[in-house]
N, C-alpha and C. Protein backbone atom coordinates (compact mmCIF):
# COMPACT_ATOMS: atom_id res chain seq x y z
N MET A 1 1.62 -22.86 -20.34
CA MET A 1 0.38 -22.66 -19.63
C MET A 1 -0.74 -23.13 -20.54
N ASN A 2 -1.40 -24.19 -20.16
CA ASN A 2 -2.44 -24.77 -20.98
C ASN A 2 -3.83 -24.23 -20.66
N ASN A 3 -4.06 -23.87 -19.42
CA ASN A 3 -5.38 -23.47 -18.99
C ASN A 3 -5.39 -21.98 -18.68
N MET A 4 -6.13 -21.20 -19.45
CA MET A 4 -6.20 -19.76 -19.24
C MET A 4 -7.49 -19.38 -18.50
N THR A 5 -8.09 -20.30 -17.77
CA THR A 5 -9.29 -20.02 -17.00
C THR A 5 -8.87 -19.48 -15.64
N PHE A 6 -9.04 -18.19 -15.44
CA PHE A 6 -8.63 -17.56 -14.21
C PHE A 6 -9.80 -17.02 -13.40
N TYR A 7 -11.02 -17.23 -13.85
CA TYR A 7 -12.18 -16.71 -13.13
C TYR A 7 -12.22 -17.28 -11.71
N GLY A 8 -12.43 -16.40 -10.75
CA GLY A 8 -12.50 -16.82 -9.37
C GLY A 8 -11.16 -17.11 -8.73
N LYS A 9 -10.09 -16.82 -9.42
CA LYS A 9 -8.74 -17.08 -8.91
C LYS A 9 -8.10 -15.79 -8.42
N SER A 10 -6.96 -15.94 -7.77
CA SER A 10 -6.13 -14.79 -7.40
C SER A 10 -4.98 -14.71 -8.40
N LEU A 11 -4.77 -13.53 -8.97
CA LEU A 11 -3.72 -13.33 -9.96
C LEU A 11 -2.75 -12.26 -9.48
N LEU A 12 -1.48 -12.55 -9.59
CA LEU A 12 -0.43 -11.60 -9.26
C LEU A 12 0.33 -11.28 -10.54
N PHE A 13 0.21 -10.05 -11.03
CA PHE A 13 0.93 -9.59 -12.21
C PHE A 13 2.18 -8.86 -11.73
N MET A 14 3.34 -9.20 -12.31
CA MET A 14 4.59 -8.56 -11.91
C MET A 14 5.29 -8.01 -13.16
N GLY A 15 5.72 -6.77 -13.06
CA GLY A 15 6.45 -6.15 -14.16
C GLY A 15 7.69 -5.47 -13.64
N ALA A 16 8.72 -5.43 -14.46
CA ALA A 16 9.96 -4.78 -14.07
C ALA A 16 9.81 -3.26 -14.07
N HIS A 17 9.17 -2.74 -15.11
CA HIS A 17 9.08 -1.29 -15.31
C HIS A 17 7.62 -0.89 -15.52
N PRO A 18 7.29 0.39 -15.25
CA PRO A 18 5.95 0.86 -15.59
C PRO A 18 5.71 0.64 -17.08
N ASP A 19 4.56 0.24 -17.42
CA ASP A 19 4.01 -0.11 -18.73
C ASP A 19 4.23 -1.57 -19.10
N ASP A 20 5.07 -2.29 -18.35
CA ASP A 20 5.28 -3.71 -18.65
C ASP A 20 4.01 -4.52 -18.43
N ILE A 21 3.31 -4.25 -17.35
CA ILE A 21 2.08 -4.98 -17.07
C ILE A 21 0.98 -4.52 -18.02
N GLU A 22 0.86 -3.21 -18.16
CA GLU A 22 -0.20 -2.65 -18.98
C GLU A 22 -0.07 -3.10 -20.44
N LEU A 23 1.13 -3.10 -20.96
CA LEU A 23 1.35 -3.48 -22.35
C LEU A 23 1.80 -4.93 -22.49
N GLY A 24 2.77 -5.35 -21.68
CA GLY A 24 3.33 -6.69 -21.81
C GLY A 24 2.36 -7.79 -21.44
N CYS A 25 1.55 -7.58 -20.41
CA CYS A 25 0.56 -8.59 -20.02
C CYS A 25 -0.75 -8.36 -20.73
N GLY A 26 -0.84 -7.25 -21.39
CA GLY A 26 -2.06 -6.98 -22.13
C GLY A 26 -3.12 -6.34 -21.26
N GLY A 27 -3.26 -5.03 -21.38
CA GLY A 27 -4.26 -4.32 -20.60
C GLY A 27 -5.65 -4.89 -20.79
N ALA A 28 -5.94 -5.36 -22.00
CA ALA A 28 -7.25 -5.94 -22.26
C ALA A 28 -7.45 -7.21 -21.44
N PHE A 29 -6.39 -7.97 -21.26
CA PHE A 29 -6.46 -9.19 -20.46
C PHE A 29 -6.81 -8.84 -19.02
N ILE A 30 -6.09 -7.86 -18.46
CA ILE A 30 -6.34 -7.46 -17.08
C ILE A 30 -7.74 -6.85 -16.95
N ALA A 31 -8.06 -5.91 -17.84
CA ALA A 31 -9.36 -5.25 -17.78
C ALA A 31 -10.49 -6.27 -17.86
N GLY A 32 -10.32 -7.32 -18.65
CA GLY A 32 -11.33 -8.35 -18.78
C GLY A 32 -11.47 -9.21 -17.54
N MET A 33 -10.46 -9.20 -16.68
CA MET A 33 -10.48 -10.03 -15.47
C MET A 33 -10.99 -9.27 -14.24
N VAL A 34 -11.02 -7.94 -14.31
CA VAL A 34 -11.46 -7.14 -13.16
C VAL A 34 -12.89 -7.55 -12.79
N GLY A 35 -13.07 -7.86 -11.52
CA GLY A 35 -14.37 -8.28 -11.02
C GLY A 35 -14.61 -9.78 -11.16
N LYS A 36 -13.77 -10.47 -11.92
CA LYS A 36 -13.92 -11.91 -12.11
C LYS A 36 -12.83 -12.69 -11.40
N ALA A 37 -11.75 -12.00 -11.05
CA ALA A 37 -10.63 -12.62 -10.33
C ALA A 37 -10.05 -11.58 -9.39
N ASP A 38 -9.38 -12.04 -8.34
CA ASP A 38 -8.70 -11.15 -7.41
C ASP A 38 -7.35 -10.80 -8.03
N ILE A 39 -7.15 -9.53 -8.38
CA ILE A 39 -5.96 -9.11 -9.12
C ILE A 39 -5.11 -8.18 -8.27
N PHE A 40 -3.78 -8.40 -8.32
CA PHE A 40 -2.82 -7.47 -7.74
C PHE A 40 -1.67 -7.32 -8.73
N CYS A 41 -1.28 -6.08 -8.99
CA CYS A 41 -0.19 -5.78 -9.92
C CYS A 41 0.95 -5.11 -9.16
N TYR A 42 2.15 -5.63 -9.34
CA TYR A 42 3.33 -5.04 -8.71
C TYR A 42 4.36 -4.72 -9.78
N THR A 43 4.79 -3.47 -9.83
CA THR A 43 5.84 -3.03 -10.74
C THR A 43 7.06 -2.71 -9.89
N PHE A 44 8.20 -3.31 -10.23
CA PHE A 44 9.39 -3.22 -9.37
C PHE A 44 10.07 -1.85 -9.38
N SER A 45 10.10 -1.16 -10.51
CA SER A 45 10.83 0.10 -10.58
C SER A 45 9.92 1.27 -10.91
N ASP A 46 10.11 2.37 -10.20
CA ASP A 46 9.37 3.59 -10.50
C ASP A 46 10.14 4.51 -11.46
N ASN A 47 11.34 4.11 -11.85
CA ASN A 47 12.18 4.85 -12.81
C ASN A 47 12.39 6.32 -12.43
N GLN A 48 12.43 6.62 -11.16
CA GLN A 48 12.56 8.00 -10.74
C GLN A 48 13.98 8.53 -10.78
N LYS A 49 14.96 7.70 -11.15
CA LYS A 49 16.33 8.18 -11.34
C LYS A 49 16.45 8.93 -12.66
N ASN A 50 15.50 8.74 -13.54
CA ASN A 50 15.50 9.41 -14.85
C ASN A 50 14.71 10.71 -14.72
N PRO A 51 15.38 11.87 -14.85
CA PRO A 51 14.69 13.15 -14.68
C PRO A 51 13.61 13.41 -15.73
N ASP A 52 13.64 12.68 -16.83
CA ASP A 52 12.61 12.84 -17.86
C ASP A 52 11.32 12.10 -17.53
N LEU A 53 11.34 11.32 -16.47
CA LEU A 53 10.18 10.48 -16.15
C LEU A 53 9.54 10.84 -14.81
N LEU A 54 9.61 12.10 -14.43
CA LEU A 54 9.09 12.50 -13.13
C LEU A 54 7.58 12.36 -13.01
N ASN A 55 6.86 12.32 -14.11
CA ASN A 55 5.40 12.14 -14.08
C ASN A 55 5.00 10.67 -14.10
N LEU A 56 5.98 9.80 -14.15
CA LEU A 56 5.71 8.37 -14.34
C LEU A 56 4.88 7.75 -13.22
N VAL A 57 5.11 8.15 -11.99
CA VAL A 57 4.37 7.57 -10.87
C VAL A 57 2.87 7.86 -11.03
N THR A 58 2.55 9.10 -11.36
CA THR A 58 1.15 9.48 -11.57
C THR A 58 0.57 8.79 -12.79
N GLU A 59 1.35 8.74 -13.88
CA GLU A 59 0.88 8.09 -15.10
C GLU A 59 0.63 6.60 -14.87
N HIS A 60 1.50 5.96 -14.08
CA HIS A 60 1.33 4.54 -13.79
C HIS A 60 0.02 4.31 -13.02
N ALA A 61 -0.21 5.11 -11.99
CA ALA A 61 -1.44 4.98 -11.21
C ALA A 61 -2.67 5.23 -12.09
N ASN A 62 -2.59 6.23 -12.94
CA ASN A 62 -3.71 6.52 -13.84
C ASN A 62 -3.98 5.36 -14.79
N SER A 63 -2.93 4.73 -15.31
CA SER A 63 -3.14 3.62 -16.23
C SER A 63 -3.73 2.41 -15.52
N MET A 64 -3.29 2.16 -14.29
CA MET A 64 -3.86 1.05 -13.52
C MET A 64 -5.33 1.30 -13.22
N ARG A 65 -5.67 2.52 -12.85
CA ARG A 65 -7.07 2.86 -12.61
C ARG A 65 -7.89 2.76 -13.90
N ALA A 66 -7.29 3.13 -15.02
CA ALA A 66 -7.98 3.03 -16.31
C ALA A 66 -8.30 1.58 -16.65
N LEU A 67 -7.50 0.64 -16.15
CA LEU A 67 -7.78 -0.78 -16.35
C LEU A 67 -8.86 -1.30 -15.40
N GLY A 68 -9.29 -0.44 -14.48
CA GLY A 68 -10.35 -0.82 -13.55
C GLY A 68 -9.85 -1.26 -12.19
N LEU A 69 -8.55 -1.09 -11.94
CA LEU A 69 -7.98 -1.49 -10.65
C LEU A 69 -8.15 -0.39 -9.61
N LYS A 70 -8.31 -0.81 -8.37
CA LYS A 70 -8.39 0.15 -7.26
C LYS A 70 -7.00 0.32 -6.66
N GLU A 71 -6.85 1.36 -5.83
CA GLU A 71 -5.54 1.70 -5.25
C GLU A 71 -4.89 0.53 -4.51
N ASP A 72 -5.69 -0.32 -3.89
CA ASP A 72 -5.12 -1.44 -3.14
C ASP A 72 -4.82 -2.65 -4.01
N GLN A 73 -4.99 -2.52 -5.32
CA GLN A 73 -4.73 -3.62 -6.24
C GLN A 73 -3.44 -3.45 -7.04
N PHE A 74 -2.71 -2.39 -6.78
CA PHE A 74 -1.44 -2.20 -7.48
C PHE A 74 -0.45 -1.46 -6.59
N GLU A 75 0.82 -1.69 -6.87
CA GLU A 75 1.90 -1.05 -6.11
C GLU A 75 3.07 -0.82 -7.05
N LEU A 76 3.74 0.30 -6.86
CA LEU A 76 4.92 0.66 -7.65
C LEU A 76 6.12 0.67 -6.72
N GLY A 77 7.06 -0.24 -6.97
CA GLY A 77 8.25 -0.35 -6.13
C GLY A 77 9.29 0.70 -6.46
N THR A 78 10.36 0.71 -5.67
CA THR A 78 11.41 1.72 -5.85
C THR A 78 12.75 1.11 -6.24
N PHE A 79 12.74 -0.13 -6.72
CA PHE A 79 14.00 -0.72 -7.18
C PHE A 79 14.52 0.10 -8.36
N GLU A 80 15.82 0.28 -8.41
CA GLU A 80 16.43 1.06 -9.47
C GLU A 80 16.63 0.18 -10.71
N THR A 81 16.05 0.59 -11.82
CA THR A 81 16.03 -0.23 -13.04
C THR A 81 17.41 -0.74 -13.43
N ARG A 82 18.37 0.10 -13.50
CA ARG A 82 19.71 -0.30 -13.97
C ARG A 82 20.49 -1.10 -12.93
N ARG A 83 19.92 -1.28 -11.75
CA ARG A 83 20.59 -2.01 -10.68
C ARG A 83 19.84 -3.28 -10.28
N PHE A 84 18.95 -3.75 -11.11
CA PHE A 84 18.21 -4.97 -10.80
C PHE A 84 19.13 -6.15 -10.47
N PRO A 85 20.19 -6.40 -11.26
CA PRO A 85 21.06 -7.53 -10.91
C PRO A 85 21.68 -7.39 -9.53
N ASP A 86 22.02 -6.17 -9.12
CA ASP A 86 22.60 -5.93 -7.81
C ASP A 86 21.59 -6.16 -6.69
N ALA A 87 20.32 -5.98 -6.99
CA ALA A 87 19.26 -6.13 -5.99
C ALA A 87 18.55 -7.48 -6.12
N ARG A 88 19.21 -8.43 -6.75
CA ARG A 88 18.59 -9.72 -7.05
C ARG A 88 17.97 -10.36 -5.81
N GLN A 89 18.70 -10.41 -4.70
CA GLN A 89 18.19 -11.06 -3.50
C GLN A 89 16.95 -10.35 -2.97
N GLU A 90 16.98 -9.02 -2.93
CA GLU A 90 15.84 -8.26 -2.45
C GLU A 90 14.63 -8.45 -3.36
N ILE A 91 14.87 -8.53 -4.66
CA ILE A 91 13.78 -8.74 -5.61
C ILE A 91 13.17 -10.12 -5.43
N LEU A 92 14.01 -11.13 -5.25
CA LEU A 92 13.49 -12.48 -5.02
C LEU A 92 12.70 -12.55 -3.72
N GLU A 93 13.18 -11.85 -2.69
CA GLU A 93 12.45 -11.81 -1.42
C GLU A 93 11.10 -11.11 -1.58
N LYS A 94 11.09 -10.04 -2.38
CA LYS A 94 9.82 -9.35 -2.65
C LYS A 94 8.87 -10.27 -3.41
N ASN A 95 9.41 -11.04 -4.38
CA ASN A 95 8.60 -12.03 -5.10
C ASN A 95 7.92 -12.97 -4.12
N ASP A 96 8.71 -13.54 -3.21
CA ASP A 96 8.18 -14.50 -2.25
C ASP A 96 7.16 -13.85 -1.31
N CYS A 97 7.46 -12.66 -0.87
CA CYS A 97 6.55 -11.93 0.02
C CYS A 97 5.21 -11.66 -0.67
N LEU A 98 5.27 -11.20 -1.92
CA LEU A 98 4.04 -10.94 -2.67
C LEU A 98 3.25 -12.22 -2.87
N ALA A 99 3.94 -13.29 -3.21
CA ALA A 99 3.26 -14.57 -3.45
C ALA A 99 2.55 -15.04 -2.18
N GLN A 100 3.17 -14.84 -1.02
CA GLN A 100 2.55 -15.24 0.24
C GLN A 100 1.36 -14.34 0.58
N GLU A 101 1.53 -13.04 0.34
CA GLU A 101 0.45 -12.09 0.63
C GLU A 101 -0.76 -12.35 -0.25
N ILE A 102 -0.50 -12.60 -1.51
CA ILE A 102 -1.58 -12.81 -2.46
C ILE A 102 -2.09 -14.24 -2.38
N SER A 103 -1.26 -15.14 -1.88
CA SER A 103 -1.55 -16.56 -1.77
C SER A 103 -2.17 -17.11 -3.06
N THR A 104 -1.40 -17.03 -4.10
CA THR A 104 -1.87 -17.45 -5.41
C THR A 104 -0.93 -18.45 -6.05
N LYS A 105 -1.46 -19.27 -6.89
CA LYS A 105 -0.62 -20.16 -7.69
C LYS A 105 -0.47 -19.59 -9.09
N ASN A 106 -1.19 -18.54 -9.41
CA ASN A 106 -1.16 -17.95 -10.74
C ASN A 106 -0.40 -16.63 -10.69
N ARG A 107 0.88 -16.70 -10.93
CA ARG A 107 1.73 -15.51 -10.95
C ARG A 107 2.08 -15.21 -12.39
N ILE A 108 1.94 -13.97 -12.79
CA ILE A 108 2.16 -13.61 -14.18
C ILE A 108 3.20 -12.50 -14.22
N ARG A 109 4.26 -12.73 -14.95
CA ARG A 109 5.35 -11.76 -15.03
C ARG A 109 5.59 -11.38 -16.48
N THR A 110 6.34 -10.32 -16.67
CA THR A 110 6.52 -9.80 -18.02
C THR A 110 7.89 -10.05 -18.60
N HIS A 111 8.81 -10.63 -17.84
CA HIS A 111 10.16 -10.83 -18.34
C HIS A 111 10.60 -12.28 -18.15
N ARG A 112 11.44 -12.73 -19.02
CA ARG A 112 11.99 -14.09 -18.97
C ARG A 112 12.78 -14.27 -17.69
N ALA A 113 12.66 -15.44 -17.08
CA ALA A 113 13.39 -15.72 -15.83
C ALA A 113 14.88 -15.85 -16.11
N ARG A 114 15.65 -15.02 -15.45
CA ARG A 114 17.11 -15.07 -15.55
C ARG A 114 17.67 -14.59 -14.24
N LEU A 115 18.61 -15.30 -13.69
CA LEU A 115 19.19 -14.91 -12.41
C LEU A 115 20.56 -14.29 -12.54
N ALA A 116 21.13 -14.29 -13.72
CA ALA A 116 22.46 -13.71 -13.91
C ALA A 116 22.46 -12.83 -15.14
N SER A 117 23.28 -11.81 -15.10
CA SER A 117 23.38 -10.89 -16.23
C SER A 117 24.16 -11.53 -17.37
N ARG A 118 23.69 -11.28 -18.59
CA ARG A 118 24.41 -11.76 -19.77
C ARG A 118 24.78 -10.56 -20.61
N PRO A 119 26.03 -10.51 -21.12
CA PRO A 119 26.46 -9.35 -21.90
C PRO A 119 25.60 -9.09 -23.13
N SER A 120 24.99 -10.12 -23.69
CA SER A 120 24.21 -9.94 -24.91
C SER A 120 22.83 -9.36 -24.65
N ASN A 121 22.44 -9.28 -23.39
CA ASN A 121 21.10 -8.79 -23.06
C ASN A 121 21.02 -7.28 -23.31
N ARG A 122 20.03 -6.85 -24.07
CA ARG A 122 19.86 -5.43 -24.35
C ARG A 122 18.88 -4.76 -23.39
N HIS A 123 18.25 -5.52 -22.55
CA HIS A 123 17.24 -4.98 -21.65
C HIS A 123 17.67 -5.28 -20.22
N PRO A 124 18.53 -4.42 -19.64
CA PRO A 124 19.15 -4.72 -18.35
C PRO A 124 18.18 -4.92 -17.20
N GLY A 125 17.00 -4.37 -17.28
CA GLY A 125 16.04 -4.54 -16.21
C GLY A 125 15.49 -5.95 -16.11
N SER A 126 15.74 -6.77 -17.12
CA SER A 126 15.16 -8.10 -17.16
C SER A 126 16.00 -9.15 -16.45
N ASN A 127 17.14 -8.78 -15.94
CA ASN A 127 18.06 -9.77 -15.38
C ASN A 127 17.80 -10.15 -13.94
N ALA A 128 16.84 -9.54 -13.29
CA ALA A 128 16.67 -9.75 -11.86
C ALA A 128 16.21 -11.17 -11.54
N GLY A 129 15.44 -11.76 -12.40
CA GLY A 129 14.98 -13.14 -12.18
C GLY A 129 13.57 -13.18 -11.62
N PHE A 130 12.70 -13.82 -12.30
CA PHE A 130 11.32 -13.99 -11.87
C PHE A 130 10.99 -15.46 -12.02
N PRO A 131 11.41 -16.30 -11.05
CA PRO A 131 11.26 -17.75 -11.21
C PRO A 131 9.83 -18.24 -11.04
N ARG A 132 9.51 -19.34 -11.71
CA ARG A 132 8.27 -20.08 -11.56
C ARG A 132 7.02 -19.28 -11.92
N TYR A 133 7.12 -18.33 -12.81
CA TYR A 133 5.97 -17.54 -13.18
C TYR A 133 5.61 -17.75 -14.63
N HIS A 134 4.33 -17.63 -14.94
CA HIS A 134 3.87 -17.73 -16.32
C HIS A 134 4.25 -16.46 -17.05
N ARG A 135 4.55 -16.58 -18.32
CA ARG A 135 4.79 -15.41 -19.15
C ARG A 135 3.55 -15.18 -19.99
N VAL A 136 3.02 -13.99 -19.91
CA VAL A 136 1.85 -13.63 -20.70
C VAL A 136 2.18 -12.40 -21.49
N GLY A 137 1.87 -12.40 -22.74
CA GLY A 137 2.09 -11.23 -23.57
C GLY A 137 1.20 -11.29 -24.78
N ILE A 138 1.05 -10.13 -25.40
CA ILE A 138 0.24 -10.06 -26.61
C ILE A 138 1.16 -9.82 -27.79
């Protein structure tokens, strides 16, 4: 990605897990764009299968609001983190649906594009595949 000028553009941030967008895409980056670009953030998993993370939905919404986003600028999906490879088709369909809804050419994701699981991968949530998206991180 050579041009980081996003003012006046539509941006779609996609993360596999809560905190991926806030930390992986850089909260400062998003916060700096609020009001200058049309922003939508989608996180695929709410991690609600983990009983230790029952406050995560509220914490995620609070962190998005802390970045300056309104309720209609972010969404938390219900894909199960450890089952991303099994839900590959549904995730790809959600990608396409979001891209059409947001109608943007600037899609920003937090994980490397991969469509198949590899035994050496230590981060199983990253295997779902996020094709044709820019990777942004700090």
